[in-house]
ModelCIF file with pLDDT and N, C-alpha, C, O atoms, coordinates in Angstrom:
data_MODEL
#
_entry.id   MODEL 
#
_entity.id                         1 
_entity.type                       polymer 
_entity.pdbx_number_of_molecules   1 
#
_entity_poly.entity_id                      1 
_entity_poly.type                           'polypeptide(L)' 
_entity_poly.nstd_linkage                   no 
_entity_poly.nstd_monomer                   no 
_entity_poly.pdbx_seq_one_letter_code       
;(UNK)(UNK)(UNK)(UNK)(UNK)(UNK)(UNK)(UNK)(UNK)(UNK)(UNK)(UNK)(UNK)(UNK)(UNK)(UNK)
(UNK)(UNK)(UNK)(UNK)(UNK)(UNK)(UNK)(UNK)(UNK)(UNK)(UNK)(UNK)(UNK)(UNK)(UNK)(UNK)
(UNK)(UNK)(UNK)(UNK)
;
_entity_poly.pdbx_seq_one_letter_code_can   XXXXXXXXXXXXXXXXXXXXXXXXXXXXXXXXXXXX 
_entity_poly.pdbx_strand_id                 A 
#
loop_
_entity_poly_seq.entity_id 
_entity_poly_seq.num 
_entity_poly_seq.mon_id 
_entity_poly_seq.hetero 
1 1  UNK n 
1 2  UNK n 
1 3  UNK n 
1 4  UNK n 
1 5  UNK n 
1 6  UNK n 
1 7  UNK n 
1 8  UNK n 
1 9  UNK n 
1 10 UNK n 
1 11 UNK n 
1 12 UNK n 
1 13 UNK n 
1 14 UNK n 
1 15 UNK n 
1 16 UNK n 
1 17 UNK n 
1 18 UNK n 
1 19 UNK n 
1 20 UNK n 
1 21 UNK n 
1 22 UNK n 
1 23 UNK n 
1 24 UNK n 
1 25 UNK n 
1 26 UNK n 
1 27 UNK n 
1 28 UNK n 
1 29 UNK n 
1 30 UNK n 
1 31 UNK n 
1 32 UNK n 
1 33 UNK n 
1 34 UNK n 
1 35 UNK n 
1 36 UNK n 
#
_struct_asym.id          A 
_struct_asym.entity_id   1 
#
loop_
_ma_qa_metric.id 
_ma_qa_metric.mode 
_ma_qa_metric.name 
_ma_qa_metric.software_group_id 
_ma_qa_metric.type 
1 global pLDDT . pLDDT 
2 local  pLDDT . pLDDT 
#
_ma_qa_metric_global.metric_id      1 
_ma_qa_metric_global.metric_value   96.78 
_ma_qa_metric_global.model_id       1 
_ma_qa_metric_global.ordinal_id     1 
#
loop_
_ma_qa_metric_local.label_asym_id 
_ma_qa_metric_local.label_comp_id 
_ma_qa_metric_local.label_seq_id 
_ma_qa_metric_local.metric_id 
_ma_qa_metric_local.metric_value 
_ma_qa_metric_local.model_id 
_ma_qa_metric_local.ordinal_id 
A UNK 1  2 93.00 1 1  
A UNK 2  2 93.00 1 2  
A UNK 3  2 95.00 1 3  
A UNK 4  2 96.00 1 4  
A UNK 5  2 97.00 1 5  
A UNK 6  2 97.00 1 6  
A UNK 7  2 97.00 1 7  
A UNK 8  2 95.00 1 8  
A UNK 9  2 94.00 1 9  
A UNK 10 2 94.00 1 10 
A UNK 11 2 96.00 1 11 
A UNK 12 2 95.00 1 12 
A UNK 13 2 96.00 1 13 
A UNK 14 2 97.00 1 14 
A UNK 15 2 97.00 1 15 
A UNK 16 2 98.00 1 16 
A UNK 17 2 98.00 1 17 
A UNK 18 2 98.00 1 18 
A UNK 19 2 98.00 1 19 
A UNK 20 2 98.00 1 20 
A UNK 21 2 98.00 1 21 
A UNK 22 2 98.00 1 22 
A UNK 23 2 98.00 1 23 
A UNK 24 2 98.00 1 24 
A UNK 25 2 97.00 1 25 
A UNK 26 2 98.00 1 26 
A UNK 27 2 97.00 1 27 
A UNK 28 2 97.00 1 28 
A UNK 29 2 96.00 1 29 
A UNK 30 2 97.00 1 30 
A UNK 31 2 98.00 1 31 
A UNK 32 2 98.00 1 32 
A UNK 33 2 98.00 1 33 
A UNK 34 2 98.00 1 34 
A UNK 35 2 98.00 1 35 
A UNK 36 2 98.00 1 36 
#
loop_
_atom_site.group_PDB 
_atom_site.id 
_atom_site.type_symbol 
_atom_site.label_atom_id 
_atom_site.label_alt_id 
_atom_site.label_comp_id 
_atom_site.label_asym_id 
_atom_site.label_entity_id 
_atom_site.label_seq_id 
_atom_site.pdbx_PDB_ins_code 
_atom_site.Cartn_x 
_atom_site.Cartn_y 
_atom_site.Cartn_z 
_atom_site.occupancy 
_atom_site.B_iso_or_equiv 
_atom_site.pdbx_formal_charge 
_atom_site.auth_seq_id 
_atom_site.auth_comp_id 
_atom_site.auth_asym_id 
_atom_site.auth_atom_id 
_atom_site.pdbx_PDB_model_num 
ATOM 1   N N  . UNK A 1 1  ? 159.716 77.819 -120.424 1.00 93.00 ? 1  UNK A N  1 
ATOM 2   C CA . UNK A 1 1  ? 159.608 77.849 -121.884 1.00 93.00 ? 1  UNK A CA 1 
ATOM 3   C C  . UNK A 1 1  ? 160.853 77.323 -122.595 1.00 93.00 ? 1  UNK A C  1 
ATOM 4   O O  . UNK A 1 1  ? 160.767 76.855 -123.730 1.00 93.00 ? 1  UNK A O  1 
ATOM 5   N N  . UNK A 1 2  ? 162.001 77.395 -121.938 1.00 93.00 ? 2  UNK A N  1 
ATOM 6   C CA . UNK A 1 2  ? 163.263 77.005 -122.581 1.00 93.00 ? 2  UNK A CA 1 
ATOM 7   C C  . UNK A 1 2  ? 163.618 75.540 -122.326 1.00 93.00 ? 2  UNK A C  1 
ATOM 8   O O  . UNK A 1 2  ? 164.667 75.084 -122.781 1.00 93.00 ? 2  UNK A O  1 
ATOM 9   N N  . UNK A 1 3  ? 162.781 74.794 -121.615 1.00 95.00 ? 3  UNK A N  1 
ATOM 10  C CA . UNK A 1 3  ? 163.131 73.460 -121.152 1.00 95.00 ? 3  UNK A CA 1 
ATOM 11  C C  . UNK A 1 3  ? 162.267 72.385 -121.799 1.00 95.00 ? 3  UNK A C  1 
ATOM 12  O O  . UNK A 1 3  ? 161.148 72.661 -122.233 1.00 95.00 ? 3  UNK A O  1 
ATOM 13  N N  . UNK A 1 4  ? 162.785 71.161 -121.862 1.00 96.00 ? 4  UNK A N  1 
ATOM 14  C CA . UNK A 1 4  ? 162.032 70.007 -122.352 1.00 96.00 ? 4  UNK A CA 1 
ATOM 15  C C  . UNK A 1 4  ? 162.148 68.874 -121.337 1.00 96.00 ? 4  UNK A C  1 
ATOM 16  O O  . UNK A 1 4  ? 162.975 68.928 -120.427 1.00 96.00 ? 4  UNK A O  1 
ATOM 17  N N  . UNK A 1 5  ? 161.320 67.856 -121.499 1.00 97.00 ? 5  UNK A N  1 
ATOM 18  C CA . UNK A 1 5  ? 161.403 66.678 -120.650 1.00 97.00 ? 5  UNK A CA 1 
ATOM 19  C C  . UNK A 1 5  ? 162.728 65.968 -120.923 1.00 97.00 ? 5  UNK A C  1 
ATOM 20  O O  . UNK A 1 5  ? 163.086 65.790 -122.087 1.00 97.00 ? 5  UNK A O  1 
ATOM 21  N N  . UNK A 1 6  ? 163.464 65.558 -119.894 1.00 97.00 ? 6  UNK A N  1 
ATOM 22  C CA . UNK A 1 6  ? 164.764 64.919 -120.126 1.00 97.00 ? 6  UNK A CA 1 
ATOM 23  C C  . UNK A 1 6  ? 164.634 63.541 -120.768 1.00 97.00 ? 6  UNK A C  1 
ATOM 24  O O  . UNK A 1 6  ? 163.596 62.887 -120.670 1.00 97.00 ? 6  UNK A O  1 
ATOM 25  N N  . UNK A 1 7  ? 165.708 63.119 -121.423 1.00 97.00 ? 7  UNK A N  1 
ATOM 26  C CA . UNK A 1 7  ? 165.804 61.773 -121.986 1.00 97.00 ? 7  UNK A CA 1 
ATOM 27  C C  . UNK A 1 7  ? 167.000 61.059 -121.362 1.00 97.00 ? 7  UNK A C  1 
ATOM 28  O O  . UNK A 1 7  ? 167.966 61.694 -120.938 1.00 97.00 ? 7  UNK A O  1 
ATOM 29  N N  . UNK A 1 8  ? 166.921 59.720 -121.311 1.00 95.00 ? 8  UNK A N  1 
ATOM 30  C CA . UNK A 1 8  ? 168.058 58.974 -120.782 1.00 95.00 ? 8  UNK A CA 1 
ATOM 31  C C  . UNK A 1 8  ? 169.119 58.811 -121.865 1.00 95.00 ? 8  UNK A C  1 
ATOM 32  O O  . UNK A 1 8  ? 168.956 59.318 -122.975 1.00 95.00 ? 8  UNK A O  1 
ATOM 33  N N  . UNK A 1 9  ? 170.205 58.108 -121.548 1.00 94.00 ? 9  UNK A N  1 
ATOM 34  C CA . UNK A 1 9  ? 171.322 58.024 -122.487 1.00 94.00 ? 9  UNK A CA 1 
ATOM 35  C C  . UNK A 1 9  ? 171.002 57.185 -123.717 1.00 94.00 ? 9  UNK A C  1 
ATOM 36  O O  . UNK A 1 9  ? 171.758 57.207 -124.688 1.00 94.00 ? 9  UNK A O  1 
ATOM 37  N N  . UNK A 1 10 ? 169.891 56.442 -123.693 1.00 94.00 ? 10 UNK A N  1 
ATOM 38  C CA . UNK A 1 10 ? 169.470 55.691 -124.880 1.00 94.00 ? 10 UNK A CA 1 
ATOM 39  C C  . UNK A 1 10 ? 168.525 56.499 -125.757 1.00 94.00 ? 10 UNK A C  1 
ATOM 40  O O  . UNK A 1 10 ? 168.138 56.051 -126.836 1.00 94.00 ? 10 UNK A O  1 
ATOM 41  N N  . UNK A 1 11 ? 168.152 57.694 -125.294 1.00 96.00 ? 11 UNK A N  1 
ATOM 42  C CA . UNK A 1 11 ? 167.214 58.527 -126.039 1.00 96.00 ? 11 UNK A CA 1 
ATOM 43  C C  . UNK A 1 11 ? 165.772 58.372 -125.604 1.00 96.00 ? 11 UNK A C  1 
ATOM 44  O O  . UNK A 1 11 ? 164.883 59.007 -126.171 1.00 96.00 ? 11 UNK A O  1 
ATOM 45  N N  . UNK A 1 12 ? 165.525 57.538 -124.608 1.00 95.00 ? 12 UNK A N  1 
ATOM 46  C CA . UNK A 1 12 ? 164.152 57.346 -124.135 1.00 95.00 ? 12 UNK A CA 1 
ATOM 47  C C  . UNK A 1 12 ? 163.694 58.530 -123.280 1.00 95.00 ? 12 UNK A C  1 
ATOM 48  O O  . UNK A 1 12 ? 164.418 58.990 -122.397 1.00 95.00 ? 12 UNK A O  1 
ATOM 49  N N  . UNK A 1 13 ? 162.498 59.007 -123.553 1.00 96.00 ? 13 UNK A N  1 
ATOM 50  C CA . UNK A 1 13 ? 161.941 60.099 -122.770 1.00 96.00 ? 13 UNK A CA 1 
ATOM 51  C C  . UNK A 1 13 ? 161.596 59.623 -121.370 1.00 96.00 ? 13 UNK A C  1 
ATOM 52  O O  . UNK A 1 13 ? 160.947 58.591 -121.200 1.00 96.00 ? 13 UNK A O  1 
ATOM 53  N N  . UNK A 1 14 ? 162.027 60.369 -120.378 1.00 97.00 ? 14 UNK A N  1 
ATOM 54  C CA . UNK A 1 14 ? 161.738 60.023 -118.991 1.00 97.00 ? 14 UNK A CA 1 
ATOM 55  C C  . UNK A 1 14 ? 160.346 60.517 -118.593 1.00 97.00 ? 14 UNK A C  1 
ATOM 56  O O  . UNK A 1 14 ? 159.707 61.282 -119.316 1.00 97.00 ? 14 UNK A O  1 
ATOM 57  N N  . UNK A 1 15 ? 159.897 60.060 -117.426 1.00 97.00 ? 15 UNK A N  1 
ATOM 58  C CA . UNK A 1 15 ? 158.613 60.500 -116.889 1.00 97.00 ? 15 UNK A CA 1 
ATOM 59  C C  . UNK A 1 15 ? 158.815 61.135 -115.524 1.00 97.00 ? 15 UNK A C  1 
ATOM 60  O O  . UNK A 1 15 ? 159.730 60.780 -114.780 1.00 97.00 ? 15 UNK A O  1 
ATOM 61  N N  . UNK A 1 16 ? 157.941 62.080 -115.215 1.00 98.00 ? 16 UNK A N  1 
ATOM 62  C CA . UNK A 1 16 ? 158.024 62.750 -113.917 1.00 98.00 ? 16 UNK A CA 1 
ATOM 63  C C  . UNK A 1 16 ? 157.627 61.783 -112.811 1.00 98.00 ? 16 UNK A C  1 
ATOM 64  O O  . UNK A 1 16 ? 156.510 61.266 -112.789 1.00 98.00 ? 16 UNK A O  1 
ATOM 65  N N  . UNK A 1 17 ? 158.550 61.551 -111.906 1.00 98.00 ? 17 UNK A N  1 
ATOM 66  C CA . UNK A 1 17 ? 158.268 60.741 -110.725 1.00 98.00 ? 17 UNK A CA 1 
ATOM 67  C C  . UNK A 1 17 ? 157.700 61.612 -109.608 1.00 98.00 ? 17 UNK A C  1 
ATOM 68  O O  . UNK A 1 17 ? 156.715 61.245 -108.967 1.00 98.00 ? 17 UNK A O  1 
ATOM 69  N N  . UNK A 1 18 ? 158.320 62.760 -109.380 1.00 98.00 ? 18 UNK A N  1 
ATOM 70  C CA . UNK A 1 18 ? 157.887 63.632 -108.294 1.00 98.00 ? 18 UNK A CA 1 
ATOM 71  C C  . UNK A 1 18 ? 158.274 65.069 -108.586 1.00 98.00 ? 18 UNK A C  1 
ATOM 72  O O  . UNK A 1 18 ? 159.288 65.347 -109.227 1.00 98.00 ? 18 UNK A O  1 
ATOM 73  N N  . UNK A 1 19 ? 157.445 65.967 -108.100 1.00 98.00 ? 19 UNK A N  1 
ATOM 74  C CA . UNK A 1 19 ? 157.719 67.398 -108.168 1.00 98.00 ? 19 UNK A CA 1 
ATOM 75  C C  . UNK A 1 19 ? 157.423 67.991 -106.795 1.00 98.00 ? 19 UNK A C  1 
ATOM 76  O O  . UNK A 1 19 ? 156.323 67.828 -106.266 1.00 98.00 ? 19 UNK A O  1 
ATOM 77  N N  . UNK A 1 20 ? 158.405 68.679 -106.222 1.00 98.00 ? 20 UNK A N  1 
ATOM 78  C CA . UNK A 1 20 ? 158.262 69.280 -104.901 1.00 98.00 ? 20 UNK A CA 1 
ATOM 79  C C  . UNK A 1 20 ? 158.383 70.795 -105.038 1.00 98.00 ? 20 UNK A C  1 
ATOM 80  O O  . UNK A 1 20 ? 159.420 71.306 -105.461 1.00 98.00 ? 20 UNK A O  1 
ATOM 81  N N  . UNK A 1 21 ? 157.327 71.502 -104.680 1.00 98.00 ? 21 UNK A N  1 
ATOM 82  C CA . UNK A 1 21 ? 157.350 72.959 -104.633 1.00 98.00 ? 21 UNK A CA 1 
ATOM 83  C C  . UNK A 1 21 ? 157.638 73.357 -103.189 1.00 98.00 ? 21 UNK A C  1 
ATOM 84  O O  . UNK A 1 21 ? 156.775 73.214 -102.324 1.00 98.00 ? 21 UNK A O  1 
ATOM 85  N N  . UNK A 1 22 ? 158.834 73.851 -102.925 1.00 98.00 ? 22 UNK A N  1 
ATOM 86  C CA . UNK A 1 22 ? 159.250 74.098 -101.548 1.00 98.00 ? 22 UNK A CA 1 
ATOM 87  C C  . UNK A 1 22 ? 158.444 75.197 -100.865 1.00 98.00 ? 22 UNK A C  1 
ATOM 88  O O  . UNK A 1 22 ? 158.436 75.277 -99.637  1.00 98.00 ? 22 UNK A O  1 
ATOM 89  N N  . UNK A 1 23 ? 157.775 76.035 -101.628 1.00 98.00 ? 23 UNK A N  1 
ATOM 90  C CA . UNK A 1 23 ? 156.922 77.053 -101.019 1.00 98.00 ? 23 UNK A CA 1 
ATOM 91  C C  . UNK A 1 23 ? 155.727 76.422 -100.307 1.00 98.00 ? 23 UNK A C  1 
ATOM 92  O O  . UNK A 1 23 ? 155.080 77.072 -99.486  1.00 98.00 ? 23 UNK A O  1 
ATOM 93  N N  . UNK A 1 24 ? 155.433 75.158 -100.617 1.00 98.00 ? 24 UNK A N  1 
ATOM 94  C CA . UNK A 1 24 ? 154.271 74.473 -100.037 1.00 98.00 ? 24 UNK A CA 1 
ATOM 95  C C  . UNK A 1 24 ? 154.606 73.648 -98.797  1.00 98.00 ? 24 UNK A C  1 
ATOM 96  O O  . UNK A 1 24 ? 153.699 73.183 -98.107  1.00 98.00 ? 24 UNK A O  1 
ATOM 97  N N  . UNK A 1 25 ? 155.887 73.459 -98.503  1.00 97.00 ? 25 UNK A N  1 
ATOM 98  C CA . UNK A 1 25 ? 156.239 72.553 -97.414  1.00 97.00 ? 25 UNK A CA 1 
ATOM 99  C C  . UNK A 1 25 ? 156.699 73.344 -96.191  1.00 97.00 ? 25 UNK A C  1 
ATOM 100 O O  . UNK A 1 25 ? 157.186 74.465 -96.337  1.00 97.00 ? 25 UNK A O  1 
ATOM 101 N N  . UNK A 1 26 ? 156.554 72.785 -94.992  1.00 98.00 ? 26 UNK A N  1 
ATOM 102 C CA . UNK A 1 26 ? 157.096 73.442 -93.798  1.00 98.00 ? 26 UNK A CA 1 
ATOM 103 C C  . UNK A 1 26 ? 158.606 73.610 -93.931  1.00 98.00 ? 26 UNK A C  1 
ATOM 104 O O  . UNK A 1 26 ? 159.273 72.827 -94.608  1.00 98.00 ? 26 UNK A O  1 
ATOM 105 N N  . UNK A 1 27 ? 159.130 74.631 -93.284  1.00 97.00 ? 27 UNK A N  1 
ATOM 106 C CA . UNK A 1 27 ? 160.574 74.864 -93.336  1.00 97.00 ? 27 UNK A CA 1 
ATOM 107 C C  . UNK A 1 27 ? 161.301 73.716 -92.641  1.00 97.00 ? 27 UNK A C  1 
ATOM 108 O O  . UNK A 1 27 ? 160.947 73.324 -91.529  1.00 97.00 ? 27 UNK A O  1 
ATOM 109 N N  . UNK A 1 28 ? 162.312 73.188 -93.306  1.00 97.00 ? 28 UNK A N  1 
ATOM 110 C CA . UNK A 1 28 ? 163.159 72.137 -92.762  1.00 97.00 ? 28 UNK A CA 1 
ATOM 111 C C  . UNK A 1 28 ? 164.605 72.545 -92.985  1.00 97.00 ? 28 UNK A C  1 
ATOM 112 O O  . UNK A 1 28 ? 164.975 72.978 -94.077  1.00 97.00 ? 28 UNK A O  1 
ATOM 113 N N  . UNK A 1 29 ? 165.414 72.408 -91.957  1.00 96.00 ? 29 UNK A N  1 
ATOM 114 C CA . UNK A 1 29 ? 166.784 72.902 -91.980  1.00 96.00 ? 29 UNK A CA 1 
ATOM 115 C C  . UNK A 1 29 ? 167.563 72.368 -93.172  1.00 96.00 ? 29 UNK A C  1 
ATOM 116 O O  . UNK A 1 29 ? 167.495 71.181 -93.490  1.00 96.00 ? 29 UNK A O  1 
ATOM 117 N N  . UNK A 1 30 ? 168.299 73.251 -93.823  1.00 97.00 ? 30 UNK A N  1 
ATOM 118 C CA . UNK A 1 30 ? 169.208 72.977 -94.941  1.00 97.00 ? 30 UNK A CA 1 
ATOM 119 C C  . UNK A 1 30 ? 168.514 72.876 -96.289  1.00 97.00 ? 30 UNK A C  1 
ATOM 120 O O  . UNK A 1 30 ? 169.181 72.953 -97.321  1.00 97.00 ? 30 UNK A O  1 
ATOM 121 N N  . UNK A 1 31 ? 167.203 72.706 -96.315  1.00 98.00 ? 31 UNK A N  1 
ATOM 122 C CA . UNK A 1 31 ? 166.482 72.583 -97.583  1.00 98.00 ? 31 UNK A CA 1 
ATOM 123 C C  . UNK A 1 31 ? 166.056 73.964 -98.092  1.00 98.00 ? 31 UNK A C  1 
ATOM 124 O O  . UNK A 1 31 ? 165.921 74.899 -97.303  1.00 98.00 ? 31 UNK A O  1 
ATOM 125 N N  . UNK A 1 32 ? 165.845 74.096 -99.403  1.00 98.00 ? 32 UNK A N  1 
ATOM 126 C CA . UNK A 1 32 ? 165.349 75.374 -99.928  1.00 98.00 ? 32 UNK A CA 1 
ATOM 127 C C  . UNK A 1 32 ? 163.987 75.727 -99.324  1.00 98.00 ? 32 UNK A C  1 
ATOM 128 O O  . UNK A 1 32 ? 163.253 74.854 -98.861  1.00 98.00 ? 32 UNK A O  1 
ATOM 129 N N  . UNK A 1 33 ? 163.668 77.011 -99.337  1.00 98.00 ? 33 UNK A N  1 
ATOM 130 C CA . UNK A 1 33 ? 162.358 77.471 -98.871  1.00 98.00 ? 33 UNK A CA 1 
ATOM 131 C C  . UNK A 1 33 ? 161.466 77.886 -100.037 1.00 98.00 ? 33 UNK A C  1 
ATOM 132 O O  . UNK A 1 33 ? 160.293 78.206 -99.846  1.00 98.00 ? 33 UNK A O  1 
ATOM 133 N N  . UNK A 1 34 ? 162.019 77.879 -101.223 1.00 98.00 ? 34 UNK A N  1 
ATOM 134 C CA . UNK A 1 34 ? 161.228 78.158 -102.419 1.00 98.00 ? 34 UNK A CA 1 
ATOM 135 C C  . UNK A 1 34 ? 161.885 77.465 -103.602 1.00 98.00 ? 34 UNK A C  1 
ATOM 136 O O  . UNK A 1 34 ? 162.996 76.945 -103.499 1.00 98.00 ? 34 UNK A O  1 
ATOM 137 N N  . UNK A 1 35 ? 161.177 77.466 -104.729 1.00 98.00 ? 35 UNK A N  1 
ATOM 138 C CA . UNK A 1 35 ? 161.674 76.784 -105.915 1.00 98.00 ? 35 UNK A CA 1 
ATOM 139 C C  . UNK A 1 35 ? 161.039 75.414 -106.087 1.00 98.00 ? 35 UNK A C  1 
ATOM 140 O O  . UNK A 1 35 ? 160.384 74.902 -105.180 1.00 98.00 ? 35 UNK A O  1 
ATOM 141 N N  . UNK A 1 36 ? 161.237 74.834 -107.245 1.00 98.00 ? 36 UNK A N  1 
ATOM 142 C CA . UNK A 1 36 ? 160.666 73.531 -107.589 1.00 98.00 ? 36 UNK A CA 1 
ATOM 143 C C  . UNK A 1 36 ? 161.789 72.539 -107.857 1.00 98.00 ? 36 UNK A C  1 
ATOM 144 O O  . UNK A 1 36 ? 161.526 71.376 -108.165 1.00 98.00 ? 36 UNK A O  1 
#
């Protein structure tokens, strides 16, 4: 609720390229096991 889509240094709104929910992926060493 407190966040907005980021903008670049020119003020242009960025677009989501990828979102990874770590709760959905197999455990891999050094990477988080939860969070987005």
